[in-house]
C-alpha cells in the first residue's frame, strides 16, 4: 500500500519490513485525522512487541551486506533520493499538510529542510575518513577508522513528520547502518512516503524499515538486544524515559526533549521587525515546534508598544483549514483535545493575574481543529503559562528591567533549547550569546534552528545524551571508532614460509 492509497480511505497504514509493505496483525489501532477537516483518514496499527521484533530482524539481516557496501555507493543513493524528492516536492509537502495541518508554505519549508539533510548525507564520504599518525612510537603507526554501529532506531514526533525522521535516516544509512523508524501514530503517512522514496532510489530490502505503535512497541525497540542506537525527538518526560531505558539496555541514545524558548526585545530594537519575527516564531506551525518562541521578554519601555504590536499583528493573521488553501497564515492544531488544552491556558493565565491581551478562542466554521493566536501580558515567571510547554500559538510576555534579569530568568529555566535577542547593541548581543542558558541562540533571528550542517544543540532538560542530531555530531553518533597500532619487522632472507594472511576469510 502506498502513501496515496493510505490517505484515500480508512485503510490501515502498513508497516515496512524487508522491502515489503505488510499489514500488522493487531486489534489495537489509532485513528489518523486530517486536522483541517476533522475527518478520519486512516487507521494506524499498534504493533506488538513480537511484531516489532520481526521488523528489527529485517534490519539485522540486511546489516552485513549494507555495511560492506562502499560508502561512496551509499552516498550515491542520496543523490538519487534528492532528485526524486525534488521531482515529488509538492506531493511530499501536500501530504505533510494533510496529516499535520500546517500551511502549505510551512510544509514546503519543512520539505526543503528535509532535502538539505539528504544533501548533507551525500557529503559524508568526505567527513567519515579516519586519522593516521606514523611513528607515534619508534616504528609504530597509529590509525583510526569509523565503523557503523549497527541497527539504529528513530522514534519521531508528529510536528515535523517529514523533516525529523530525515534528520536521522540519511546520516545513519550513509554511515553504513540499517534503520527502523517508529513515527508518531498521529502522522504516520509521511513515513510511508519516505519508505516509497527510498525504495524508488534503490535502497536494498531491509536496510530501512517502518513499525507503528505505542509504548509496547517503543519498549520493544529500547530493549531489543540487536538495536545499537536510539534517536528520539519529543517531550522532555518521554525523552528522559527513552534515554534512561535505552542506556540501561546498552544503547547509545540521543533524545531531544521539550522547550520554553525566550525571545528578548531590547529597548533599541526595531519594533516592526521584532513584532513580525516574534509572531512568526510563536505562531508559525501553530506553535507546535520545539523551537517556537514561547516567552517574549520586553526590556524597559518597549513593553507596551511590543504587546500592542504583537496583538495587532497576530489578530490580522488568517486562520483556517490549510489543505488545498494558500490563503491562510496559520492552520489547525493536531487534535481537538490539543485545541482544548491550549485554550484552557487563557483561563489559567487570567486566574493567576496575567492579562489576556489577545484571546485566540474564536468560532471557526467547519470541523477543523482551529484556534487563533493568543498574546498574554503581565506574565511572571512562577505562573503556569511561563513554566509549561504549551506547544500551541500562545505567546506570554514578561516585563524586565535589564539584560541581567533576563540572564537570571534563563538560568532558572529547566529547559535550554533556544533563545533569541532583538537589539542594535552589539555588546548586549554578545553578553546574551555568551551567557544565556540555551544551546541555540539567535541574534535578530526569531527561530535559531540550525540547518543540516550544524548540530541541534539543546541543553539541560531539552536534550539527553552527548552527541546531538545533525551536523558532524550525527556522524559521530552513528559510527564508532576503531584504533589500530601497527609495527612491521623486516623478514630474514631465508624465510620463505607462506605468509600468515593466507587463511580462510571468516566474517
Protein backbone atom coordinates (compact mmCIF):
# COMPACT_ATOMS: atom_id res chain seq x y z
CA UNK A 1 0.00 0.00 0.00
CA UNK A 2 1.40 3.37 -0.98
CA UNK A 3 1.05 6.63 0.92
CA UNK A 4 -1.51 7.95 -1.55
CA UNK A 5 -3.66 4.86 -1.02
CA UNK A 6 -3.39 5.21 2.74
CA UNK A 7 -4.82 8.73 2.60
CA UNK A 8 -7.73 7.90 0.32
CA UNK A 9 -9.70 5.68 2.75
CA UNK A 10 -9.72 4.30 6.27
CA UNK A 11 -7.29 1.58 5.30
CA UNK A 12 -4.77 0.51 7.92
CA UNK A 13 -1.36 2.10 7.50
CA UNK A 14 1.13 -0.67 6.69
CA UNK A 15 4.45 -1.46 8.26
CA UNK A 16 7.51 -1.80 6.04
CA UNK A 17 9.80 -4.77 6.63
CA UNK A 18 12.42 -6.44 4.45
CA UNK A 19 11.31 -4.36 1.47
CA UNK A 20 7.65 -5.39 1.74
CA UNK A 21 4.54 -3.47 2.81
CA UNK A 22 2.76 -5.62 5.39
CA UNK A 23 -0.45 -5.25 7.36
CA UNK A 24 0.34 -5.54 11.06
CA UNK A 25 -1.74 -8.23 12.74
CA UNK A 26 -3.12 -6.37 15.73
CA UNK A 27 -6.56 -5.48 17.02
CA UNK A 28 -5.31 -2.22 18.52
CA UNK A 29 -5.32 0.79 16.21
CA UNK A 30 -5.35 4.57 16.42
CA UNK A 31 -7.10 6.99 14.09
CA UNK A 32 -5.24 9.37 11.81
CA UNK A 33 -7.13 12.64 11.24
CA UNK A 34 -6.97 15.45 8.74
CA UNK A 35 -6.79 18.43 11.16
CA UNK A 36 -8.21 20.82 8.57
CA UNK A 37 -11.49 18.92 8.30
CA UNK A 38 -11.57 16.87 11.50
CA UNK A 39 -12.19 13.77 9.37
CA UNK A 40 -10.57 10.40 9.95
CA UNK A 41 -8.35 9.43 7.02
CA UNK A 42 -6.62 6.21 8.11
CA UNK A 43 -6.06 3.72 10.91
CA UNK A 44 -2.57 3.07 12.23
CA UNK A 45 -1.76 -0.23 13.98
CA UNK A 46 -0.29 -0.50 17.47
CA UNK A 47 2.19 -3.29 16.76
CA UNK A 48 3.02 -5.82 19.43
CA UNK A 49 6.49 -6.47 20.83
CA UNK A 50 6.61 -9.67 18.77
CA UNK A 51 5.74 -7.86 15.53
CA UNK A 52 8.27 -5.15 16.36
CA UNK A 53 10.94 -7.77 16.88
CA UNK A 54 10.30 -9.19 13.41
CA UNK A 55 10.79 -5.74 11.88
CA UNK A 56 14.07 -5.32 13.78
CA UNK A 57 15.19 -8.72 12.50
CA UNK A 58 14.78 -7.45 8.93
CA UNK A 59 17.27 -4.69 9.74
CA UNK A 60 19.61 -7.21 11.40
CA UNK A 61 19.53 -9.46 8.32
CA UNK A 62 20.30 -6.58 5.94
CA UNK A 63 23.17 -5.17 8.01
CA UNK A 64 26.14 -7.35 6.91
CA UNK A 65 25.77 -6.58 3.20
CA UNK A 66 24.90 -2.91 3.69
CA UNK A 67 27.82 -2.06 5.97
CA UNK A 68 30.20 -3.65 3.45
CA UNK A 69 28.74 -1.56 0.63
CA UNK A 70 31.32 1.14 -0.21
CA UNK A 71 30.49 4.43 1.43
CA UNK A 72 30.57 6.25 -1.91
CA UNK A 73 27.86 3.92 -3.22
CA UNK A 74 25.77 4.52 -0.12
CA UNK A 75 26.19 8.26 -0.70
CA UNK A 76 25.22 7.99 -4.36
CA UNK A 77 21.87 6.66 -3.25
CA UNK A 78 21.34 10.02 -1.52
CA UNK A 79 21.94 11.83 -4.79
CA UNK A 80 19.22 9.72 -6.39
CA UNK A 81 16.93 10.31 -3.41
CA UNK A 82 17.44 14.06 -3.66
CA UNK A 83 16.43 14.07 -7.31
CA UNK A 84 13.30 12.04 -6.56
CA UNK A 85 12.38 14.36 -3.69
CA UNK A 86 12.77 17.41 -5.91
CA UNK A 87 10.51 15.81 -8.51
CA UNK A 88 7.87 14.93 -5.89
CA UNK A 89 8.41 18.00 -3.73
CA UNK A 90 4.84 19.32 -3.84
CA UNK A 91 3.41 15.86 -3.24
CA UNK A 92 5.50 15.45 -0.08
CA UNK A 93 4.51 18.91 1.18
CA UNK A 94 0.81 18.32 0.48
CA UNK A 95 0.88 15.10 2.49
CA UNK A 96 2.53 16.89 5.45
CA UNK A 97 -0.25 19.49 5.36
CA UNK A 98 -2.93 16.81 5.03
CA UNK A 99 -1.93 14.83 8.12
CA UNK A 100 -0.38 17.60 10.26
CA UNK A 101 -2.33 20.75 9.40
CA UNK A 102 0.48 23.27 8.92
CA UNK A 103 0.10 25.61 5.97
CA UNK A 104 1.36 24.58 2.56
CA UNK A 105 4.07 27.25 2.76
CA UNK A 106 5.23 25.80 6.08
CA UNK A 107 5.15 22.27 4.69
CA UNK A 108 7.25 23.33 1.71
CA UNK A 109 9.76 24.88 4.11
CA UNK A 110 9.85 21.61 6.05
CA UNK A 111 10.46 19.59 2.90
CA UNK A 112 13.24 21.96 1.87
CA UNK A 113 14.98 21.32 5.20
CA UNK A 114 14.43 17.62 4.56
CA UNK A 115 16.17 17.86 1.21
CA UNK A 116 19.08 19.67 2.86
CA UNK A 117 19.60 16.71 5.22
CA UNK A 118 19.86 14.43 2.19
CA UNK A 119 22.39 16.82 0.65
CA UNK A 120 24.41 16.79 3.87
CA UNK A 121 24.40 12.99 3.98
CA UNK A 122 25.58 12.80 0.38
CA UNK A 123 28.79 14.51 1.51
CA UNK A 124 29.57 12.06 4.31
CA UNK A 125 32.37 10.24 2.43
CA UNK A 126 34.44 13.41 2.86
CA UNK A 127 33.64 13.58 6.59
CA UNK A 128 33.90 9.96 7.68
CA UNK A 129 37.58 9.48 6.93
CA UNK A 130 39.86 8.33 9.73
CA UNK A 131 43.14 9.70 11.08
CA UNK A 132 46.70 8.40 10.96
CA UNK A 133 49.92 9.24 12.77
CA UNK A 134 53.04 7.44 11.54
CA UNK A 135 55.81 6.85 14.06
CA UNK A 136 53.72 7.59 17.11
CA UNK A 137 56.43 5.48 18.72
CA UNK A 138 59.57 4.01 17.23
CA UNK A 139 58.45 2.21 14.03
CA UNK A 140 54.84 2.16 15.27
CA UNK A 141 51.98 3.68 13.27
CA UNK A 142 48.55 4.54 14.68
CA UNK A 143 45.31 4.98 12.81
CA UNK A 144 41.59 5.31 13.49
CA UNK A 145 38.70 4.39 11.21
CA UNK A 146 34.96 4.72 11.68
CA UNK A 147 32.61 1.75 11.58
CA UNK A 148 28.79 1.71 11.61
CA UNK A 149 27.22 0.98 14.99
CA UNK A 150 24.61 -1.48 13.64
CA UNK A 151 20.82 -1.38 13.73
CA UNK A 152 19.57 2.14 14.54
CA UNK A 153 16.08 3.23 15.58
CA UNK A 154 14.32 6.57 15.13
CA UNK A 155 11.30 7.47 17.29
CA UNK A 156 9.85 10.68 15.91
CA UNK A 157 7.12 13.24 16.80
CA UNK A 158 4.08 14.44 14.90
CA UNK A 159 5.09 18.07 14.38
CA UNK A 160 7.62 17.55 11.55
CA UNK A 161 6.63 14.20 10.02
CA UNK A 162 8.98 14.53 7.06
CA UNK A 163 11.92 16.53 8.41
CA UNK A 164 12.61 14.95 11.80
CA UNK A 165 12.83 11.35 10.51
CA UNK A 166 15.18 12.62 7.84
CA UNK A 167 17.37 14.26 10.47
CA UNK A 168 18.27 10.67 11.26
CA UNK A 169 17.75 8.30 8.35
CA UNK A 170 20.14 9.65 5.64
CA UNK A 171 23.09 10.03 8.03
CA UNK A 172 22.56 6.63 9.63
CA UNK A 173 22.29 4.91 6.24
CA UNK A 174 25.32 6.53 4.61
CA UNK A 175 27.35 5.70 7.73
CA UNK A 176 26.56 2.04 6.99
CA UNK A 177 23.78 1.30 9.49
CA UNK A 178 20.37 -0.19 8.90
CA UNK A 179 17.35 1.63 10.29
CA UNK A 180 13.93 1.10 11.90
CA UNK A 181 11.60 4.12 12.05
CA UNK A 182 8.76 4.36 14.59
CA UNK A 183 6.87 7.51 13.54
CA UNK A 184 4.20 9.27 15.55
CA UNK A 185 0.89 7.47 15.41
CA UNK A 186 -0.68 10.89 14.71
CA UNK A 187 1.27 11.45 11.46
CA UNK A 188 2.41 8.08 10.05
CA UNK A 189 1.62 8.72 6.38
CA UNK A 190 4.72 10.79 5.67
CA UNK A 191 6.79 7.87 6.97
CA UNK A 192 5.13 5.61 4.42
CA UNK A 193 6.05 8.06 1.69
CA UNK A 194 9.67 8.15 2.94
CA UNK A 195 9.76 4.38 2.54
CA UNK A 196 8.45 4.68 -1.00
CA UNK A 197 11.04 7.32 -1.91
CA UNK A 198 13.95 5.28 -0.53
CA UNK A 199 12.73 2.20 -2.38
CA UNK A 200 12.46 4.19 -5.61
CA UNK A 201 16.03 5.43 -5.06
CA UNK A 202 17.24 1.82 -4.97
CA UNK A 203 17.79 1.12 -1.28
CA UNK A 204 18.18 -2.64 -0.73
CA UNK A 205 15.47 -4.55 1.10
CA UNK A 206 15.66 -4.44 4.89
CA UNK A 207 18.06 -1.50 5.12
CA UNK A 208 15.14 0.79 6.03
CA UNK A 209 12.03 -0.42 7.86
CA UNK A 210 8.92 1.09 9.49
CA UNK A 211 6.96 -0.08 12.51
CA UNK A 212 4.00 1.62 14.18
CA UNK A 213 2.87 1.56 17.76
CA UNK A 214 2.72 2.96 21.26
CA UNK A 215 4.61 2.16 24.46
CA UNK A 216 4.68 -1.60 23.88
CA UNK A 217 6.36 -1.07 20.51
CA UNK A 218 8.74 1.58 21.85
CA UNK A 219 9.78 -0.56 24.81
CA UNK A 220 10.45 -3.48 22.48
CA UNK A 221 12.79 -1.25 20.47
CA UNK A 222 14.50 0.14 23.57
CA UNK A 223 15.23 -3.30 24.98
CA UNK A 224 15.90 -5.31 21.82
CA UNK A 225 19.39 -6.86 22.04
CA UNK A 226 20.16 -6.20 18.37
CA UNK A 227 19.36 -2.47 18.45
CA UNK A 228 22.55 -0.44 18.86
CA UNK A 229 21.37 3.19 18.82
CA UNK A 230 18.19 5.17 19.50
CA UNK A 231 17.37 8.66 18.21
CA UNK A 232 14.34 10.42 19.67
CA UNK A 233 12.59 13.78 19.42
CA UNK A 234 9.60 14.61 21.60
CA UNK A 235 8.57 15.87 25.03
CA UNK A 236 11.00 16.07 27.94
CA UNK A 237 9.38 13.38 30.14
CA UNK A 238 9.43 10.88 27.28
CA UNK A 239 12.94 11.92 26.20
CA UNK A 240 14.18 11.24 29.72
CA UNK A 241 12.44 7.85 29.72
CA UNK A 242 13.89 6.96 26.31
CA UNK A 243 17.39 7.93 27.44
CA UNK A 244 17.27 6.11 30.76
CA UNK A 245 15.70 2.94 29.35
CA UNK A 246 17.88 2.84 26.25
CA UNK A 247 21.17 3.40 28.05
CA UNK A 248 20.19 0.91 30.75
CA UNK A 249 19.90 -1.64 27.96
CA UNK A 250 23.29 -0.79 26.48
CA UNK A 251 22.18 1.51 23.64
CA UNK A 252 23.72 4.81 22.67
CA UNK A 253 20.91 7.38 22.82
CA UNK A 254 20.28 10.92 21.65
CA UNK A 255 16.96 12.18 22.98
CA UNK A 256 15.78 15.72 22.22
CA UNK A 257 13.08 16.95 24.59
CA UNK A 258 10.83 19.94 25.11
CA UNK A 259 11.49 23.64 25.38
CA UNK A 260 10.43 27.01 26.74
CA UNK A 261 12.14 29.36 24.33
CA UNK A 262 12.69 33.03 25.22
CA UNK A 263 12.57 35.95 22.80
CA UNK A 264 14.19 39.06 24.27
CA UNK A 265 13.38 42.51 22.88
CA UNK A 266 15.74 45.30 23.93
CA UNK A 267 14.57 48.94 24.06
CA UNK A 268 16.67 49.80 20.99
CA UNK A 269 15.24 47.01 18.82
CA UNK A 270 13.43 47.76 15.57
CA UNK A 271 9.84 47.30 16.76
CA UNK A 272 8.29 46.38 13.41
CA UNK A 273 10.95 43.78 12.60
CA UNK A 274 10.79 42.37 16.13
CA UNK A 275 7.00 42.03 16.10
CA UNK A 276 6.96 40.15 12.80
CA UNK A 277 9.81 37.87 13.88
CA UNK A 278 8.24 37.12 17.27
CA UNK A 279 4.86 36.38 15.69
CA UNK A 280 6.42 34.06 13.11
CA UNK A 281 8.32 32.27 15.86
CA UNK A 282 5.39 31.90 18.27
CA UNK A 283 2.56 31.24 15.82
CA UNK A 284 4.28 29.50 12.90
CA UNK A 285 3.15 25.87 12.55
CA UNK A 286 0.53 26.72 15.16
CA UNK A 287 3.26 26.97 17.79
CA UNK A 288 3.73 23.20 17.51
CA UNK A 289 7.50 23.08 17.25
CA UNK A 290 10.25 22.77 19.81
CA UNK A 291 11.92 25.95 18.53
CA UNK A 292 8.77 28.07 18.79
CA UNK A 293 9.08 31.26 20.79
CA UNK A 294 7.02 30.83 23.95
CA UNK A 295 8.04 33.75 26.18
CA UNK A 296 8.70 37.28 24.94
CA UNK A 297 10.74 39.33 27.39
CA UNK A 298 10.26 43.07 26.94
CA UNK A 299 13.03 45.14 28.50
CA UNK A 300 12.32 48.64 29.68
CA UNK A 301 9.85 50.93 27.98
CA UNK A 302 9.36 48.78 24.88
CA UNK A 303 6.82 46.59 26.74
CA UNK A 304 3.59 48.43 25.94
CA UNK A 305 4.30 49.07 22.24
CA UNK A 306 5.52 45.48 21.85
CA UNK A 307 2.34 43.97 23.29
CA UNK A 308 0.20 46.32 21.21
CA UNK A 309 2.16 45.49 18.06
CA UNK A 310 2.01 41.74 18.70
CA UNK A 311 -1.73 41.83 19.35
CA UNK A 312 -2.45 43.89 16.24
CA UNK A 313 -0.24 41.72 14.02
CA UNK A 314 -1.48 38.40 15.40
CA UNK A 315 -5.13 39.42 15.11
CA UNK A 316 -4.57 40.08 11.39
CA UNK A 317 -3.30 36.56 10.72
CA UNK A 318 -5.65 34.47 8.61
CA UNK A 319 -6.51 31.25 10.46
CA UNK A 320 -8.28 28.40 8.70
CA UNK A 321 -8.14 24.98 7.05
CA UNK A 322 -4.78 24.57 5.35
CA UNK A 323 -5.31 21.72 2.91
CA UNK A 324 -5.53 22.98 -0.68
CA UNK A 325 -5.67 26.50 0.68
CA UNK A 326 -2.90 29.04 0.09
CA UNK A 327 -4.88 31.88 1.71
CA UNK A 328 -4.14 31.09 5.37
CA UNK A 329 -1.30 32.18 7.63
CA UNK A 330 -1.94 29.60 10.34
CA UNK A 331 -3.57 26.21 10.07
CA UNK A 332 -5.18 23.90 12.63
CA UNK A 333 -3.60 22.10 15.57
CA UNK A 334 -3.05 18.36 15.52
CA UNK A 335 -6.12 17.23 17.53
CA UNK A 336 -9.30 18.66 19.02
CA UNK A 337 -8.12 17.68 22.52
CA UNK A 338 -4.97 19.71 21.96
CA UNK A 339 -7.03 22.75 20.95
CA UNK A 340 -8.98 22.42 24.19
CA UNK A 341 -5.77 22.08 26.21
CA UNK A 342 -4.21 25.18 24.62
CA UNK A 343 -7.43 27.18 25.00
CA UNK A 344 -7.50 26.36 28.69
CA UNK A 345 -4.34 28.37 29.28
CA UNK A 346 -6.26 31.61 28.73
CA UNK A 347 -8.33 30.96 31.84
CA UNK A 348 -5.32 29.66 33.76
CA UNK A 349 -3.35 32.83 32.95
CA UNK A 350 -6.19 35.16 33.88
CA UNK A 351 -6.71 33.27 37.10
CA UNK A 352 -3.07 33.80 38.03
CA UNK A 353 -3.26 37.53 37.45
CA UNK A 354 -1.96 37.84 33.89
CA UNK A 355 -3.74 39.91 31.24
CA UNK A 356 -5.01 38.21 28.08
CA UNK A 357 -4.20 40.89 25.50
CA UNK A 358 -5.38 38.73 22.59
CA UNK A 359 -7.59 35.68 23.02
CA UNK A 360 -7.35 33.16 20.19
CA UNK A 361 -10.57 31.38 21.10
CA UNK A 362 -12.96 32.07 18.25
CA UNK A 363 -15.87 30.42 16.46
CA UNK A 364 -14.47 28.92 13.28
CA UNK A 365 -16.60 27.42 10.54
CA UNK A 366 -16.21 23.72 9.85
CA UNK A 367 -14.96 20.83 11.94
CA UNK A 368 -11.21 21.52 11.77
CA UNK A 369 -9.09 21.74 14.90
CA UNK A 370 -8.72 25.51 14.82
CA UNK A 371 -7.69 28.14 17.35
CA UNK A 372 -6.27 31.61 16.76
CA UNK A 373 -3.04 33.10 18.14
CA UNK A 374 -3.04 34.46 21.70
CA UNK A 375 -0.90 37.04 23.49
CA UNK A 376 -0.76 37.07 27.30
CA UNK A 377 0.73 40.12 29.01
CA UNK A 378 1.96 40.79 32.55
CA UNK A 379 3.18 37.22 32.97
CA UNK A 380 5.50 36.43 35.87
CA UNK A 381 7.96 33.54 35.93
CA UNK A 382 6.14 31.49 38.63
CA UNK A 383 2.94 31.37 36.54
CA UNK A 384 1.92 28.16 34.80
CA UNK A 385 1.95 29.77 31.35
CA UNK A 386 5.60 30.72 31.98
CA UNK A 387 6.57 27.21 33.07
CA UNK A 388 4.60 24.76 30.92
CA UNK A 389 5.47 23.76 27.38
CA UNK A 390 2.13 24.77 25.88
CA UNK A 391 3.03 23.70 22.33
CA UNK A 392 0.44 25.95 20.75
CA UNK A 393 0.01 29.51 19.41
CA UNK A 394 0.34 31.26 22.76
CA UNK A 395 2.97 33.93 23.44
CA UNK A 396 3.48 35.05 27.03
CA UNK A 397 5.05 38.46 27.67
CA UNK A 398 7.24 39.07 30.72
CA UNK A 399 8.41 42.59 31.57
CA UNK A 400 12.06 43.03 32.65
CA UNK A 401 14.23 45.96 33.64
CA UNK A 402 17.59 44.96 32.18
CA UNK A 403 19.59 42.22 30.49
CA UNK A 404 20.95 40.85 33.77
CA UNK A 405 17.42 40.00 34.89
CA UNK A 406 16.89 38.22 31.56
CA UNK A 407 20.02 36.12 32.08
CA UNK A 408 18.76 35.24 35.55
CA UNK A 409 15.43 34.22 34.04
CA UNK A 410 17.25 31.92 31.64
CA UNK A 411 19.26 30.31 34.42
CA UNK A 412 16.04 29.48 36.26
CA UNK A 413 14.51 27.74 33.24
CA UNK A 414 14.88 23.95 33.36
CA UNK A 415 14.96 23.76 29.58
CA UNK A 416 17.74 25.02 27.36
CA UNK A 417 16.72 24.68 23.73
CA UNK A 418 16.71 28.08 22.03
CA UNK A 419 16.59 31.81 22.74
CA UNK A 420 16.83 34.98 20.65
CA UNK A 421 17.56 38.64 21.28
CA UNK A 422 16.47 41.61 19.18
CA UNK A 423 18.75 44.60 19.50
CA UNK A 424 21.06 47.02 17.70
CA UNK A 425 23.56 46.85 20.58
CA UNK A 426 26.49 44.59 19.78
CA UNK A 427 27.66 44.38 23.40
CA UNK A 428 24.20 43.33 24.60
CA UNK A 429 24.04 40.73 21.85
CA UNK A 430 27.45 39.38 22.82
CA UNK A 431 26.54 39.18 26.50
CA UNK A 432 23.35 37.34 25.60
CA UNK A 433 25.14 34.96 23.24
CA UNK A 434 27.81 34.15 25.81
CA UNK A 435 25.69 33.83 28.92
CA UNK A 436 22.08 32.90 28.19
CA UNK A 437 21.25 29.35 29.30
CA UNK A 438 20.37 27.73 25.97
CA UNK A 439 22.15 25.70 23.32
CA UNK A 440 20.83 27.55 20.25
CA UNK A 441 20.99 31.35 20.15
CA UNK A 442 19.53 33.84 17.70
CA UNK A 443 20.64 37.43 17.19
CA UNK A 444 17.76 39.23 15.47
CA UNK A 445 16.59 35.78 14.33
CA UNK A 446 13.24 34.52 15.58
CA UNK A 447 13.81 30.79 15.13
CA UNK A 448 17.50 29.92 15.62
CA UNK A 449 17.11 26.36 14.34
CA UNK A 450 20.33 25.15 12.72
CA UNK A 451 20.48 23.88 9.17
CA UNK A 452 21.72 20.40 8.36
CA UNK A 453 25.42 21.24 8.61
CA UNK A 454 25.23 22.31 12.26
CA UNK A 455 24.07 20.27 15.29
CA UNK A 456 20.72 20.78 17.00
CA UNK A 457 22.32 21.66 20.33
CA UNK A 458 19.66 21.66 23.03
CA UNK A 459 20.85 21.88 26.64
CA UNK A 460 19.60 20.81 30.08
CA UNK A 461 16.14 19.19 30.06
CA UNK A 462 15.88 19.84 26.32
CA UNK A 463 18.39 17.10 25.49
CA UNK A 464 19.59 13.84 26.97
CA UNK A 465 22.82 12.42 25.59
CA UNK A 466 26.13 13.84 24.45
CA UNK A 467 26.05 13.72 20.63
CA UNK A 468 23.34 15.84 19.05
CA UNK A 469 21.24 15.38 15.93
CA UNK A 470 22.51 16.95 12.67
CA UNK A 471 25.98 18.15 11.70
CA UNK A 472 29.22 16.32 12.38
CA UNK A 473 27.94 15.16 15.77
CA UNK A 474 25.37 13.00 13.98
CA UNK A 475 28.14 11.23 12.07
CA UNK A 476 29.94 10.55 15.33
CA UNK A 477 26.71 9.23 16.84
CA UNK A 478 26.07 6.78 14.01
CA UNK A 479 29.66 5.49 13.89
CA UNK A 480 32.18 4.09 16.34
CA UNK A 481 35.92 4.36 16.09
CA UNK A 482 38.42 1.55 15.79
CA UNK A 483 42.07 2.29 16.54
CA UNK A 484 44.90 0.16 15.14
CA UNK A 485 48.58 0.31 16.14
CA UNK A 486 50.95 -1.32 13.68
CA UNK A 487 54.59 -2.40 13.83
CA UNK A 488 56.28 -4.29 10.94
CA UNK A 489 59.54 -6.23 11.10
CA UNK A 490 61.80 -6.89 8.16
CA UNK A 491 61.75 -10.54 7.07
CA UNK A 492 65.03 -12.52 7.03
CA UNK A 493 66.32 -13.63 3.62
CA UNK A 494 65.97 -17.34 4.43
CA UNK A 495 62.33 -17.07 5.38
CA UNK A 496 60.18 -18.45 2.57
CA UNK A 497 57.18 -19.59 4.57
CA UNK A 498 53.73 -18.86 3.27
CA UNK A 499 52.50 -15.56 4.67
CA UNK A 500 50.14 -15.87 7.61
CA UNK A 501 47.42 -13.96 5.83
CA UNK A 502 46.84 -16.93 3.53
CA UNK A 503 43.97 -18.19 5.69
CA UNK A 504 40.34 -18.71 5.01
CA UNK A 505 38.39 -15.48 5.49
CA UNK A 506 35.83 -15.62 8.25
CA UNK A 507 33.33 -12.81 8.60
